Amino acid sequence: MPKILIVDDNDINLKLLERIISNNTTCDVISATNGQDAIQLASTEKPFLIFMDMMMPGIDGYEATKQIKSNPELANTPVVAVTAVNTKEGIKKVFDCGCEDILQKPIGINTVVQLVEKYMKI
């Protein structure tokens, strides 16, 4: 079964995304609550898609994405930024660190499912 990695330091956001994906797709969900664990899980579990919270203490989503993308085995793994950022500068920063897409907060079920289906077809 295809795996999706969800990274968020906020437990409510993490559980919400886990529930949406588990209830509406055929994917397995693995999760991390910080950037360091995300980097390790991505390299051991090889998910086909990563939902990355960008604002976390320690290694934030920007740095975690850069490190994941620098691993040749993970360089083509799509990363979707989960963020409330909606300024031009903020959006540019998301794409500059290597993210392929943005999931704007507050998140909606249909948007999450559409993103999962989009990247399953690739």
PDB file of N, CA and C in Angstrom:
ATOM      1  N   MET A   1       0.840  -1.191   0.000  1.00  0.00           N
ATOM      2  CA  MET A   1       0.000   0.000   0.000  1.00  0.00           C
ATOM      3  C   MET A   1       0.881   1.249   0.000  1.00  0.00           C
ATOM      4  N   PRO A   2       0.557   2.252  -0.803  1.00  0.00           N
ATOM      5  CA  PRO A   2       1.388   3.462  -0.850  1.00  0.00           C
ATOM      6  C   PRO A   2       1.365   4.209   0.480  1.00  0.00           C
ATOM      7  N   LYS A   3       2.522   4.784   0.830  1.00  0.00           N
ATOM      8  CA  LYS A   3       2.648   5.491   2.108  1.00  0.00           C
ATOM      9  C   LYS A   3       2.726   6.987   1.899  1.00  0.00           C
ATOM     10  N   ILE A   4       2.089   7.711   2.824  1.00  0.00           N
ATOM     11  CA  ILE A   4       2.180   9.164   2.865  1.00  0.00           C
ATOM     12  C   ILE A   4       2.753   9.551   4.226  1.00  0.00           C
ATOM     13  N   LEU A   5       3.747  10.438   4.213  1.00  0.00           N
ATOM     14  CA  LEU A   5       4.325  10.961   5.445  1.00  0.00           C
ATOM     15  C   LEU A   5       3.699  12.322   5.737  1.00  0.00           C
ATOM     16  N   ILE A   6       3.172  12.468   6.952  1.00  0.00           N
ATOM     17  CA  ILE A   6       2.621  13.744   7.406  1.00  0.00           C
ATOM     18  C   ILE A   6       3.535  14.265   8.508  1.00  0.00           C
ATOM     19  N   VAL A   7       3.941  15.530   8.367  1.00  0.00           N
ATOM     20  CA  VAL A   7       4.833  16.140   9.353  1.00  0.00           C
ATOM     21  C   VAL A   7       4.168  17.393   9.900  1.00  0.00           C
ATOM     22  N   ASP A   8       3.926  17.415  11.216  1.00  0.00           N
ATOM     23  CA  ASP A   8       3.336  18.599  11.847  1.00  0.00           C
ATOM     24  C   ASP A   8       3.599  18.529  13.343  1.00  0.00           C
ATOM     25  N   ASP A   9       4.022  19.636  13.928  1.00  0.00           N
ATOM     26  CA  ASP A   9       4.273  19.660  15.371  1.00  0.00           C
ATOM     27  C   ASP A   9       2.985  19.902  16.164  1.00  0.00           C
ATOM     28  N   ASN A  10       1.894  20.259  15.470  1.00  0.00           N
ATOM     29  CA  ASN A  10       0.609  20.470  16.120  1.00  0.00           C
ATOM     30  C   ASN A  10      -0.201  19.169  16.032  1.00  0.00           C
ATOM     31  N   ASP A  11      -0.476  18.581  17.188  1.00  0.00           N
ATOM     32  CA  ASP A  11      -1.137  17.274  17.233  1.00  0.00           C
ATOM     33  C   ASP A  11      -2.522  17.288  16.575  1.00  0.00           C
ATOM     34  N   ILE A  12      -3.257  18.376  16.737  1.00  0.00           N
ATOM     35  CA  ILE A  12      -4.598  18.466  16.142  1.00  0.00           C
ATOM     36  C   ILE A  12      -4.496  18.452  14.623  1.00  0.00           C
ATOM     37  N   ASN A  13      -3.584  19.248  14.067  1.00  0.00           N
ATOM     38  CA  ASN A  13      -3.394  19.282  12.612  1.00  0.00           C
ATOM     39  C   ASN A  13      -2.947  17.920  12.084  1.00  0.00           C
ATOM     40  N   LEU A  14      -2.041  17.279  12.823  1.00  0.00           N
ATOM     41  CA  LEU A  14      -1.525  15.966  12.435  1.00  0.00           C
ATOM     42  C   LEU A  14      -2.657  14.943  12.382  1.00  0.00           C
ATOM     43  N   LYS A  15      -3.454  14.876  13.436  1.00  0.00           N
ATOM     44  CA  LYS A  15      -4.564  13.911  13.506  1.00  0.00           C
ATOM     45  C   LYS A  15      -5.611  14.197  12.434  1.00  0.00           C
ATOM     46  N   LEU A  16      -5.879  15.476  12.155  1.00  0.00           N
ATOM     47  CA  LEU A  16      -6.859  15.847  11.140  1.00  0.00           C
ATOM     48  C   LEU A  16      -6.418  15.330   9.768  1.00  0.00           C
ATOM     49  N   LEU A  17      -5.182  15.583   9.403  1.00  0.00           N
ATOM     50  CA  LEU A  17      -4.676  15.112   8.107  1.00  0.00           C
ATOM     51  C   LEU A  17      -4.648  13.586   8.055  1.00  0.00           C
ATOM     52  N   GLU A  18      -4.207  12.959   9.147  1.00  0.00           N
ATOM     53  CA  GLU A  18      -4.198  11.491   9.205  1.00  0.00           C
ATOM     54  C   GLU A  18      -5.596  10.934   8.955  1.00  0.00           C
ATOM     55  N   ARG A  19      -6.591  11.508   9.627  1.00  0.00           N
ATOM     56  CA  ARG A  19      -7.963  11.015   9.508  1.00  0.00           C
ATOM     57  C   ARG A  19      -8.503  11.226   8.089  1.00  0.00           C
ATOM     58  N   ILE A  20      -8.259  12.406   7.514  1.00  0.00           N
ATOM     59  CA  ILE A  20      -8.729  12.686   6.151  1.00  0.00           C
ATOM     60  C   ILE A  20      -8.147  11.667   5.170  1.00  0.00           C
ATOM     61  N   ILE A  21      -6.849  11.428   5.262  1.00  0.00           N
ATOM     62  CA  ILE A  21      -6.192  10.507   4.323  1.00  0.00           C
ATOM     63  C   ILE A  21      -6.630   9.063   4.569  1.00  0.00           C
ATOM     64  N   SER A  22      -6.693   8.659   5.820  1.00  0.00           N
ATOM     65  CA  SER A  22      -7.105   7.280   6.139  1.00  0.00           C
ATOM     66  C   SER A  22      -8.538   6.990   5.709  1.00  0.00           C
ATOM     67  N   ASN A  23      -9.426   7.959   5.883  1.00  0.00           N
ATOM     68  CA  ASN A  23     -10.845   7.748   5.587  1.00  0.00           C
ATOM     69  C   ASN A  23     -11.205   7.921   4.114  1.00  0.00           C
ATOM     70  N   ASN A  24     -10.347   8.604   3.343  1.00  0.00           N
ATOM     71  CA  ASN A  24     -10.722   8.967   1.978  1.00  0.00           C
ATOM     72  C   ASN A  24      -9.777   8.455   0.894  1.00  0.00           C
ATOM     73  N   THR A  25      -8.728   7.726   1.284  1.00  0.00           N
ATOM     74  CA  THR A  25      -7.796   7.171   0.293  1.00  0.00           C
ATOM     75  C   THR A  25      -7.430   5.745   0.691  1.00  0.00           C
ATOM     76  N   THR A  26      -6.670   5.081  -0.172  1.00  0.00           N
ATOM     77  CA  THR A  26      -6.211   3.718   0.133  1.00  0.00           C
ATOM     78  C   THR A  26      -4.754   3.733   0.596  1.00  0.00           C
ATOM     79  N   CYS A  27      -4.293   4.859   1.117  1.00  0.00           N
ATOM     80  CA  CYS A  27      -2.892   5.008   1.510  1.00  0.00           C
ATOM     81  C   CYS A  27      -2.679   4.734   2.991  1.00  0.00           C
ATOM     82  N   ASP A  28      -1.491   4.247   3.305  1.00  0.00           N
ATOM     83  CA  ASP A  28      -1.050   4.141   4.694  1.00  0.00           C
ATOM     84  C   ASP A  28      -0.468   5.489   5.095  1.00  0.00           C
ATOM     85  N   VAL A  29      -0.657   5.855   6.356  1.00  0.00           N
ATOM     86  CA  VAL A  29      -0.151   7.122   6.849  1.00  0.00           C
ATOM     87  C   VAL A  29       0.911   6.876   7.905  1.00  0.00           C
ATOM     88  N   ILE A  30       2.046   7.558   7.747  1.00  0.00           N
ATOM     89  CA  ILE A  30       3.072   7.594   8.784  1.00  0.00           C
ATOM     90  C   ILE A  30       3.243   9.059   9.154  1.00  0.00           C
ATOM     91  N   SER A  31       3.650   9.325  10.394  1.00  0.00           N
ATOM     92  CA  SER A  31       3.723  10.726  10.792  1.00  0.00           C
ATOM     93  C   SER A  31       4.940  11.016  11.646  1.00  0.00           C
ATOM     94  N   ALA A  32       5.324  12.295  11.604  1.00  0.00           N
ATOM     95  CA  ALA A  32       6.424  12.804  12.406  1.00  0.00           C
ATOM     96  C   ALA A  32       5.995  14.144  12.983  1.00  0.00           C
ATOM     97  N   THR A  33       6.542  14.476  14.149  1.00  0.00           N
ATOM     98  CA  THR A  33       6.154  15.732  14.796  1.00  0.00           C
ATOM     99  C   THR A  33       7.264  16.779  14.746  1.00  0.00           C
ATOM    100  N   ASN A  34       8.364  16.465  14.045  1.00  0.00           N
ATOM    101  CA  ASN A  34       9.431  17.460  13.896  1.00  0.00           C
ATOM    102  C   ASN A  34      10.244  17.155  12.639  1.00  0.00           C
ATOM    103  N   GLY A  35      11.038  18.139  12.232  1.00  0.00           N
ATOM    104  CA  GLY A  35      11.811  18.018  11.005  1.00  0.00           C
ATOM    105  C   GLY A  35      12.829  16.900  11.033  1.00  0.00           C
ATOM    106  N   GLN A  36      13.499  16.709  12.167  1.00  0.00           N
ATOM    107  CA  GLN A  36      14.520  15.660  12.269  1.00  0.00           C
ATOM    108  C   GLN A  36      13.908  14.278  12.055  1.00  0.00           C
ATOM    109  N   ASP A  37      12.792  14.002  12.728  1.00  0.00           N
ATOM    110  CA  ASP A  37      12.121  12.706  12.558  1.00  0.00           C
ATOM    111  C   ASP A  37      11.607  12.547  11.122  1.00  0.00           C
ATOM    112  N   ALA A  38      11.152  13.647  10.528  1.00  0.00           N
ATOM    113  CA  ALA A  38      10.658  13.603   9.146  1.00  0.00           C
ATOM    114  C   ALA A  38      11.759  13.159   8.189  1.00  0.00           C
ATOM    115  N   ILE A  39      12.942  13.701   8.360  1.00  0.00           N
ATOM    116  CA  ILE A  39      14.080  13.356   7.493  1.00  0.00           C
ATOM    117  C   ILE A  39      14.402  11.875   7.632  1.00  0.00           C
ATOM    118  N   GLN A  40      14.436  11.382   8.880  1.00  0.00           N
ATOM    119  CA  GLN A  40      14.747   9.972   9.125  1.00  0.00           C
ATOM    120  C   GLN A  40      13.658   9.046   8.576  1.00  0.00           C
ATOM    121  N   LEU A  41      12.387   9.378   8.854  1.00  0.00           N
ATOM    122  CA  LEU A  41      11.282   8.544   8.372  1.00  0.00           C
ATOM    123  C   LEU A  41      11.216   8.519   6.851  1.00  0.00           C
ATOM    124  N   ALA A  42      11.449   9.666   6.231  1.00  0.00           N
ATOM    125  CA  ALA A  42      11.418   9.725   4.765  1.00  0.00           C
ATOM    126  C   ALA A  42      12.467   8.783   4.174  1.00  0.00           C
ATOM    127  N   SER A  43      13.658   8.760   4.763  1.00  0.00           N
ATOM    128  CA  SER A  43      14.704   7.914   4.191  1.00  0.00           C
ATOM    129  C   SER A  43      14.505   6.429   4.482  1.00  0.00           C
ATOM    130  N   THR A  44      13.858   6.083   5.590  1.00  0.00           N
ATOM    131  CA  THR A  44      13.640   4.661   5.879  1.00  0.00           C
ATOM    132  C   THR A  44      12.345   4.131   5.262  1.00  0.00           C
ATOM    133  N   GLU A  45      11.290   4.936   5.249  1.00  0.00           N
ATOM    134  CA  GLU A  45       9.976   4.476   4.798  1.00  0.00           C
ATOM    135  C   GLU A  45       9.706   4.710   3.315  1.00  0.00           C
ATOM    136  N   LYS A  46      10.418   5.652   2.696  1.00  0.00           N
ATOM    137  CA  LYS A  46      10.257   5.981   1.266  1.00  0.00           C
ATOM    138  C   LYS A  46       8.785   6.238   0.883  1.00  0.00           C
ATOM    139  N   PRO A  47       8.152   7.252   1.504  1.00  0.00           N
ATOM    140  CA  PRO A  47       6.762   7.549   1.133  1.00  0.00           C
ATOM    141  C   PRO A  47       6.697   8.075  -0.297  1.00  0.00           C
ATOM    142  N   PHE A  48       5.527   7.954  -0.933  1.00  0.00           N
ATOM    143  CA  PHE A  48       5.400   8.487  -2.293  1.00  0.00           C
ATOM    144  C   PHE A  48       5.012   9.958  -2.246  1.00  0.00           C
ATOM    145  N   LEU A  49       4.587  10.456  -1.049  1.00  0.00           N
ATOM    146  CA  LEU A  49       4.154  11.841  -0.907  1.00  0.00           C
ATOM    147  C   LEU A  49       4.378  12.287   0.537  1.00  0.00           C
ATOM    148  N   ILE A  50       4.763  13.557   0.704  1.00  0.00           N
ATOM    149  CA  ILE A  50       4.984  14.117   2.038  1.00  0.00           C
ATOM    150  C   ILE A  50       4.166  15.398   2.185  1.00  0.00           C
ATOM    151  N   PHE A  51       3.380  15.478   3.279  1.00  0.00           N
ATOM    152  CA  PHE A  51       2.714  16.724   3.661  1.00  0.00           C
ATOM    153  C   PHE A  51       3.560  17.335   4.775  1.00  0.00           C
ATOM    154  N   MET A  52       4.157  18.510   4.524  1.00  0.00           N
ATOM    155  CA  MET A  52       5.141  19.100   5.434  1.00  0.00           C
ATOM    156  C   MET A  52       4.644  20.423   6.012  1.00  0.00           C
ATOM    157  N   ASP A  53       4.468  20.462   7.334  1.00  0.00           N
ATOM    158  CA  ASP A  53       4.204  21.728   8.021  1.00  0.00           C
ATOM    159  C   ASP A  53       5.484  22.561   7.900  1.00  0.00           C
ATOM    160  N   MET A  54       5.374  23.820   7.583  1.00  0.00           N
ATOM    161  CA  MET A  54       6.565  24.631   7.360  1.00  0.00           C
ATOM    162  C   MET A  54       7.071  25.304   8.623  1.00  0.00           C
ATOM    163  N   MET A  55       6.170  25.610   9.557  1.00  0.00           N
ATOM    164  CA  MET A  55       6.557  26.317  10.784  1.00  0.00           C
ATOM    165  C   MET A  55       6.637  25.348  11.958  1.00  0.00           C
ATOM    166  N   MET A  56       7.860  24.886  12.239  1.00  0.00           N
ATOM    167  CA  MET A  56       8.080  23.991  13.376  1.00  0.00           C
ATOM    168  C   MET A  56       9.336  24.442  14.106  1.00  0.00           C
ATOM    169  N   PRO A  57       9.402  24.199  15.420  1.00  0.00           N
ATOM    170  CA  PRO A  57      10.638  24.531  16.147  1.00  0.00           C
ATOM    171  C   PRO A  57      11.770  23.597  15.725  1.00  0.00           C
ATOM    172  N   GLY A  58      12.987  24.027  15.944  1.00  0.00           N
ATOM    173  CA  GLY A  58      14.145  23.211  15.555  1.00  0.00           C
ATOM    174  C   GLY A  58      14.290  23.230  14.046  1.00  0.00           C
ATOM    175  N   ILE A  59      14.389  22.042  13.448  1.00  0.00           N
ATOM    176  CA  ILE A  59      14.463  21.947  11.992  1.00  0.00           C
ATOM    177  C   ILE A  59      13.060  22.192  11.443  1.00  0.00           C
ATOM    178  N   ASP A  60      12.865  23.343  10.792  1.00  0.00           N
ATOM    179  CA  ASP A  60      11.535  23.656  10.268  1.00  0.00           C
ATOM    180  C   ASP A  60      11.285  22.916   8.954  1.00  0.00           C
ATOM    181  N   GLY A  61      10.094  23.099   8.407  1.00  0.00           N
ATOM    182  CA  GLY A  61       9.715  22.399   7.182  1.00  0.00           C
ATOM    183  C   GLY A  61      10.565  22.779   5.984  1.00  0.00           C
ATOM    184  N   TYR A  62      11.031  24.013   5.943  1.00  0.00           N
ATOM    185  CA  TYR A  62      11.880  24.460   4.836  1.00  0.00           C
ATOM    186  C   TYR A  62      13.190  23.686   4.820  1.00  0.00           C
ATOM    187  N   GLU A  63      13.826  23.620   5.991  1.00  0.00           N
ATOM    188  CA  GLU A  63      15.124  22.921   6.086  1.00  0.00           C
ATOM    189  C   GLU A  63      14.942  21.414   5.918  1.00  0.00           C
ATOM    190  N   ALA A  64      13.882  20.857   6.515  1.00  0.00           N
ATOM    191  CA  ALA A  64      13.626  19.417   6.382  1.00  0.00           C
ATOM    192  C   ALA A  64      13.415  19.054   4.913  1.00  0.00           C
ATOM    193  N   THR A  65      12.662  19.886   4.185  1.00  0.00           N
ATOM    194  CA  THR A  65      12.423  19.628   2.761  1.00  0.00           C
ATOM    195  C   THR A  65      13.732  19.666   1.981  1.00  0.00           C
ATOM    196  N   LYS A  66      14.575  20.668   2.261  1.00  0.00           N
ATOM    197  CA  LYS A  66      15.874  20.760   1.570  1.00  0.00           C
ATOM    198  C   LYS A  66      16.705  19.501   1.813  1.00  0.00           C
ATOM    199  N   GLN A  67      16.724  19.033   3.069  1.00  0.00           N
ATOM    200  CA  GLN A  67      17.517  17.843   3.390  1.00  0.00           C
ATOM    201  C   GLN A  67      16.941  16.587   2.739  1.00  0.00           C
ATOM    202  N   ILE A  68      15.623  16.462   2.734  1.00  0.00           N
ATOM    203  CA  ILE A  68      14.991  15.307   2.091  1.00  0.00           C
ATOM    204  C   ILE A  68      15.295  15.320   0.596  1.00  0.00           C
ATOM    205  N   LYS A  69      15.163  16.480  -0.035  1.00  0.00           N
ATOM    206  CA  LYS A  69      15.390  16.598  -1.484  1.00  0.00           C
ATOM    207  C   LYS A  69      16.862  16.401  -1.855  1.00  0.00           C
ATOM    208  N   SER A  70      17.768  16.594  -0.897  1.00  0.00           N
ATOM    209  CA  SER A  70      19.196  16.408  -1.189  1.00  0.00           C
ATOM    210  C   SER A  70      19.587  14.930  -1.192  1.00  0.00           C
ATOM    211  N   ASN A  71      18.700  14.056  -0.693  1.00  0.00           N
ATOM    212  CA  ASN A  71      18.929  12.613  -0.712  1.00  0.00           C
ATOM    213  C   ASN A  71      18.531  12.097  -2.106  1.00  0.00           C
ATOM    214  N   PRO A  72      19.486  11.522  -2.867  1.00  0.00           N
ATOM    215  CA  PRO A  72      19.163  11.084  -4.226  1.00  0.00           C
ATOM    216  C   PRO A  72      17.978  10.118  -4.303  1.00  0.00           C
ATOM    217  N   GLU A  73      17.774   9.293  -3.263  1.00  0.00           N
ATOM    218  CA  GLU A  73      16.654   8.348  -3.261  1.00  0.00           C
ATOM    219  C   GLU A  73      15.309   9.047  -3.059  1.00  0.00           C
ATOM    220  N   LEU A  74      15.333  10.272  -2.540  1.00  0.00           N
ATOM    221  CA  LEU A  74      14.096  10.988  -2.219  1.00  0.00           C
ATOM    222  C   LEU A  74      13.910  12.253  -3.057  1.00  0.00           C
ATOM    223  N   ALA A  75      14.869  12.553  -3.910  1.00  0.00           N
ATOM    224  CA  ALA A  75      14.862  13.816  -4.658  1.00  0.00           C
ATOM    225  C   ALA A  75      13.582  14.019  -5.459  1.00  0.00           C
ATOM    226  N   ASN A  76      12.959  12.939  -5.926  1.00  0.00           N
ATOM    227  CA  ASN A  76      11.740  13.052  -6.731  1.00  0.00           C
ATOM    228  C   ASN A  76      10.453  12.855  -5.936  1.00  0.00           C
ATOM    229  N   THR A  77      10.570  12.709  -4.618  1.00  0.00           N
ATOM    230  CA  THR A  77       9.382  12.558  -3.771  1.00  0.00           C
ATOM    231  C   THR A  77       8.692  13.909  -3.634  1.00  0.00           C
ATOM    232  N   PRO A  78       7.428  14.012  -4.056  1.00  0.00           N
ATOM    233  CA  PRO A  78       6.740  15.298  -3.940  1.00  0.00           C
ATOM    234  C   PRO A  78       6.505  15.691  -2.485  1.00  0.00           C
ATOM    235  N   VAL A  79       6.766  16.965  -2.194  1.00  0.00           N
ATOM    236  CA  VAL A  79       6.506  17.522  -0.866  1.00  0.00           C
ATOM    237  C   VAL A  79       5.465  18.625  -1.010  1.00  0.00           C
ATOM    238  N   VAL A  80       4.392  18.502  -0.237  1.00  0.00           N
ATOM    239  CA  VAL A  80       3.333  19.511  -0.219  1.00  0.00           C
ATOM    240  C   VAL A  80       3.483  20.308   1.075  1.00  0.00           C
ATOM    241  N   ALA A  81       3.704  21.606   0.937  1.00  0.00           N
ATOM    242  CA  ALA A  81       3.803  22.478   2.110  1.00  0.00           C
ATOM    243  C   ALA A  81       2.418  22.679   2.701  1.00  0.00           C
ATOM    244  N   VAL A  82       2.298  22.467   4.015  1.00  0.00           N
ATOM    245  CA  VAL A  82       1.046  22.738   4.714  1.00  0.00           C
ATOM    246  C   VAL A  82       1.291  24.024   5.499  1.00  0.00           C
ATOM    247  N   THR A  83       0.655  25.114   5.054  1.00  0.00           N
ATOM    248  CA  THR A  83       0.990  26.415   5.619  1.00  0.00           C
ATOM    249  C   THR A  83      -0.148  27.408   5.485  1.00  0.00           C
ATOM    250  N   ALA A  84      -0.116  28.420   6.328  1.00  0.00           N
ATOM    251  CA  ALA A  84      -1.077  29.514   6.228  1.00  0.00           C
ATOM    252  C   ALA A  84      -0.489  30.665   5.405  1.00  0.00           C
ATOM    253  N   VAL A  85       0.761  30.526   4.977  1.00  0.00           N
ATOM    254  CA  VAL A  85       1.447  31.571   4.210  1.00  0.00           C
ATOM    255  C   VAL A  85       0.722  31.811   2.887  1.00  0.00           C
ATOM    256  N   ASN A  86       0.451  33.076   2.585  1.00  0.00           N
ATOM    257  CA  ASN A  86      -0.186  33.367   1.302  1.00  0.00           C
ATOM    258  C   ASN A  86       0.362  34.639   0.640  1.00  0.00           C
ATOM    259  N   THR A  87       1.515  35.113   1.119  1.00  0.00           N
ATOM    260  CA  THR A  87       2.158  36.256   0.470  1.00  0.00           C
ATOM    261  C   THR A  87       3.033  35.750  -0.673  1.00  0.00           C
ATOM    262  N   LYS A  88       3.325  36.628  -1.623  1.00  0.00           N
ATOM    263  CA  LYS A  88       4.189  36.241  -2.740  1.00  0.00           C
ATOM    264  C   LYS A  88       5.546  35.756  -2.239  1.00  0.00           C
ATOM    265  N   GLU A  89       6.115  36.479  -1.281  1.00  0.00           N
ATOM    266  CA  GLU A  89       7.433  36.113  -0.737  1.00  0.00           C
ATOM    267  C   GLU A  89       7.369  34.763  -0.027  1.00  0.00           C
ATOM    268  N   GLY A  90       6.306  34.565   0.757  1.00  0.00           N
ATOM    269  CA  GLY A  90       6.149  33.311   1.490  1.00  0.00           C
ATOM    270  C   GLY A  90       5.986  32.123   0.554  1.00  0.00           C
ATOM    271  N   ILE A  91       5.187  32.303  -0.484  1.00  0.00           N
ATOM    272  CA  ILE A  91       4.957  31.231  -1.460  1.00  0.00           C
ATOM    273  C   ILE A  91       6.246  30.933  -2.233  1.00  0.00           C
ATOM    274  N   LYS A  92       6.994  31.980  -2.584  1.00  0.00           N
ATOM    275  CA  LYS A  92       8.275  31.788  -3.278  1.00  0.00           C
ATOM    276  C   LYS A  92       9.236  30.974  -2.404  1.00  0.00           C
ATOM    277  N   LYS A  93       9.270  31.281  -1.098  1.00  0.00           N
ATOM    278  CA  LYS A  93      10.143  30.558  -0.171  1.00  0.00           C
ATOM    279  C   LYS A  93       9.776  29.073  -0.120  1.00  0.00           C
ATOM    280  N   VAL A  94       8.471  28.773  -0.154  1.00  0.00           N
ATOM    281  CA  VAL A  94       8.010  27.385  -0.137  1.00  0.00           C
ATOM    282  C   VAL A  94       8.534  26.633  -1.366  1.00  0.00           C
ATOM    283  N   PHE A  95       8.394  27.241  -2.544  1.00  0.00           N
ATOM    284  CA  PHE A  95       8.843  26.569  -3.764  1.00  0.00           C
ATOM    285  C   PHE A  95      10.368  26.550  -3.865  1.00  0.00           C
ATOM    286  N   ASP A  96      11.033  27.582  -3.342  1.00  0.00           N
ATOM    287  CA  ASP A  96      12.501  27.632  -3.381  1.00  0.00           C
ATOM    288  C   ASP A  96      13.145  26.511  -2.571  1.00  0.00           C
ATOM    289  N   CYS A  97      12.481  26.055  -1.509  1.00  0.00           N
ATOM    290  CA  CYS A  97      13.081  24.998  -0.687  1.00  0.00           C
ATOM    291  C   CYS A  97      12.841  23.610  -1.284  1.00  0.00           C
ATOM    292  N   GLY A  98      12.013  23.530  -2.336  1.00  0.00           N
ATOM    293  CA  GLY A  98      11.837  22.248  -3.016  1.00  0.00           C
ATOM    294  C   GLY A  98      10.434  21.677  -3.014  1.00  0.00           C
ATOM    295  N   CYS A  99       9.476  22.369  -2.412  1.00  0.00           N
ATOM    296  CA  CYS A  99       8.102  21.860  -2.395  1.00  0.00           C
ATOM    297  C   CYS A  99       7.483  21.932  -3.786  1.00  0.00           C
ATOM    298  N   GLU A 100       6.632  20.949  -4.086  1.00  0.00           N
ATOM    299  CA  GLU A 100       5.940  20.906  -5.372  1.00  0.00           C
ATOM    300  C   GLU A 100       4.570  21.571  -5.321  1.00  0.00           C
ATOM    301  N   ASP A 101       4.002  21.686  -4.119  1.00  0.00           N
ATOM    302  CA  ASP A 101       2.629  22.165  -3.995  1.00  0.00           C
ATOM    303  C   ASP A 101       2.443  22.800  -2.627  1.00  0.00           C
ATOM    304  N   ILE A 102       1.305  23.518  -2.489  1.00  0.00           N
ATOM    305  CA  ILE A 102       0.958  24.139  -1.210  1.00  0.00           C
ATOM    306  C   ILE A 102      -0.462  23.728  -0.841  1.00  0.00           C
ATOM    307  N   LEU A 103      -0.637  23.306   0.407  1.00  0.00           N
ATOM    308  CA  LEU A 103      -1.965  23.059   0.976  1.00  0.00           C
ATOM    309  C   LEU A 103      -2.198  24.179   1.988  1.00  0.00           C
ATOM    310  N   GLN A 104      -3.099  25.092   1.637  1.00  0.00           N
ATOM    311  CA  GLN A 104      -3.360  26.244   2.502  1.00  0.00           C
ATOM    312  C   GLN A 104      -4.185  25.837   3.721  1.00  0.00           C
ATOM    313  N   LYS A 105      -3.799  26.376   4.881  1.00  0.00           N
ATOM    314  CA  LYS A 105      -4.618  26.215   6.087  1.00  0.00           C
ATOM    315  C   LYS A 105      -5.685  27.292   6.070  1.00  0.00           C
ATOM    316  N   PRO A 106      -6.895  27.060   6.551  1.00  0.00           N
ATOM    317  CA  PRO A 106      -7.369  25.767   7.060  1.00  0.00           C
ATOM    318  C   PRO A 106      -7.572  24.771   5.916  1.00  0.00           C
ATOM    319  N   ILE A 107      -7.263  23.525   6.195  1.00  0.00           N
ATOM    320  CA  ILE A 107      -7.299  22.514   5.142  1.00  0.00           C
ATOM    321  C   ILE A 107      -8.710  21.956   4.956  1.00  0.00           C
ATOM    322  N   GLY A 108      -9.000  21.581   3.711  1.00  0.00           N
ATOM    323  CA  GLY A 108     -10.298  21.002   3.392  1.00  0.00           C
ATOM    324  C   GLY A 108     -10.125  19.569   2.912  1.00  0.00           C
ATOM    325  N   ILE A 109     -11.093  18.729   3.208  1.00  0.00           N
ATOM    326  CA  ILE A 109     -11.034  17.310   2.849  1.00  0.00           C
ATOM    327  C   ILE A 109     -10.840  17.131   1.341  1.00  0.00           C
ATOM    328  N   ASN A 110     -11.643  17.805   0.540  1.00  0.00           N
ATOM    329  CA  ASN A 110     -11.560  17.623  -0.917  1.00  0.00           C
ATOM    330  C   ASN A 110     -10.203  18.007  -1.468  1.00  0.00           C
ATOM    331  N   THR A 111      -9.628  19.078  -0.941  1.00  0.00           N
ATOM    332  CA  THR A 111      -8.317  19.528  -1.413  1.00  0.00           C
ATOM    333  C   THR A 111      -7.249  18.494  -1.104  1.00  0.00           C
ATOM    334  N   VAL A 112      -7.286  17.929   0.092  1.00  0.00           N
ATOM    335  CA  VAL A 112      -6.314  16.901   0.478  1.00  0.00           C
ATOM    336  C   VAL A 112      -6.441  15.684  -0.441  1.00  0.00           C
ATOM    337  N   VAL A 113      -7.666  15.214  -0.633  1.00  0.00           N
ATOM    338  CA  VAL A 113      -7.902  14.040  -1.477  1.00  0.00           C
ATOM    339  C   VAL A 113      -7.441  14.311  -2.917  1.00  0.00           C
ATOM    340  N   GLN A 114      -7.725  15.493  -3.442  1.00  0.00           N
ATOM    341  CA  GLN A 114      -7.291  15.845  -4.799  1.00  0.00           C
ATOM    342  C   GLN A 114      -5.773  15.834  -4.916  1.00  0.00           C
ATOM    343  N   LEU A 115      -5.078  16.348  -3.899  1.00  0.00           N
ATOM    344  CA  LEU A 115      -3.609  16.345  -3.928  1.00  0.00           C
ATOM    345  C   LEU A 115      -3.064  14.917  -3.915  1.00  0.00           C
ATOM    346  N   VAL A 116      -3.633  14.069  -3.055  1.00  0.00           N
ATOM    347  CA  VAL A 116      -3.187  12.671  -2.987  1.00  0.00           C
ATOM    348  C   VAL A 116      -3.393  12.004  -4.346  1.00  0.00           C
ATOM    349  N   GLU A 117      -4.570  12.178  -4.934  1.00  0.00           N
ATOM    350  CA  GLU A 117      -4.854  11.556  -6.237  1.00  0.00           C
ATOM    351  C   GLU A 117      -3.934  12.100  -7.325  1.00  0.00           C
ATOM    352  N   LYS A 118      -3.665  13.392  -7.294  1.00  0.00           N
ATOM    353  CA  LYS A 118      -2.765  14.010  -8.274  1.00  0.00           C
ATOM    354  C   LYS A 118      -1.394  13.336  -8.260  1.00  0.00           C
ATOM    355  N   TYR A 119      -0.836  13.141  -7.062  1.00  0.00           N
ATOM    356  CA  TYR A 119       0.515  12.587  -6.985  1.00  0.00           C
ATOM    357  C   TYR A 119       0.557  11.070  -7.083  1.00  0.00           C
ATOM    358  N   MET A 120      -0.570  10.402  -6.868  1.00  0.00           N
ATOM    359  CA  MET A 120      -0.613   8.942  -7.078  1.00  0.00           C
ATOM    360  C   MET A 120      -0.529   8.622  -8.569  1.00  0.00           C
ATOM    361  N   LYS A 121      -1.014   9.534  -9.409  1.00  0.00           N
ATOM    362  CA  LYS A 121      -1.032   9.298 -10.855  1.00  0.00           C
ATOM    363  C   LYS A 121       0.328   9.520 -11.502  1.00  0.00           C
ATOM    364  N   ILE A 122       1.206  10.218 -10.806  1.00  0.00           N
ATOM    365  CA  ILE A 122       2.524  10.518 -11.384  1.00  0.00           C
ATOM    366  C   ILE A 122       3.416   9.290 -11.364  1.00  0.00           C
TER     367      ILE A 122
END
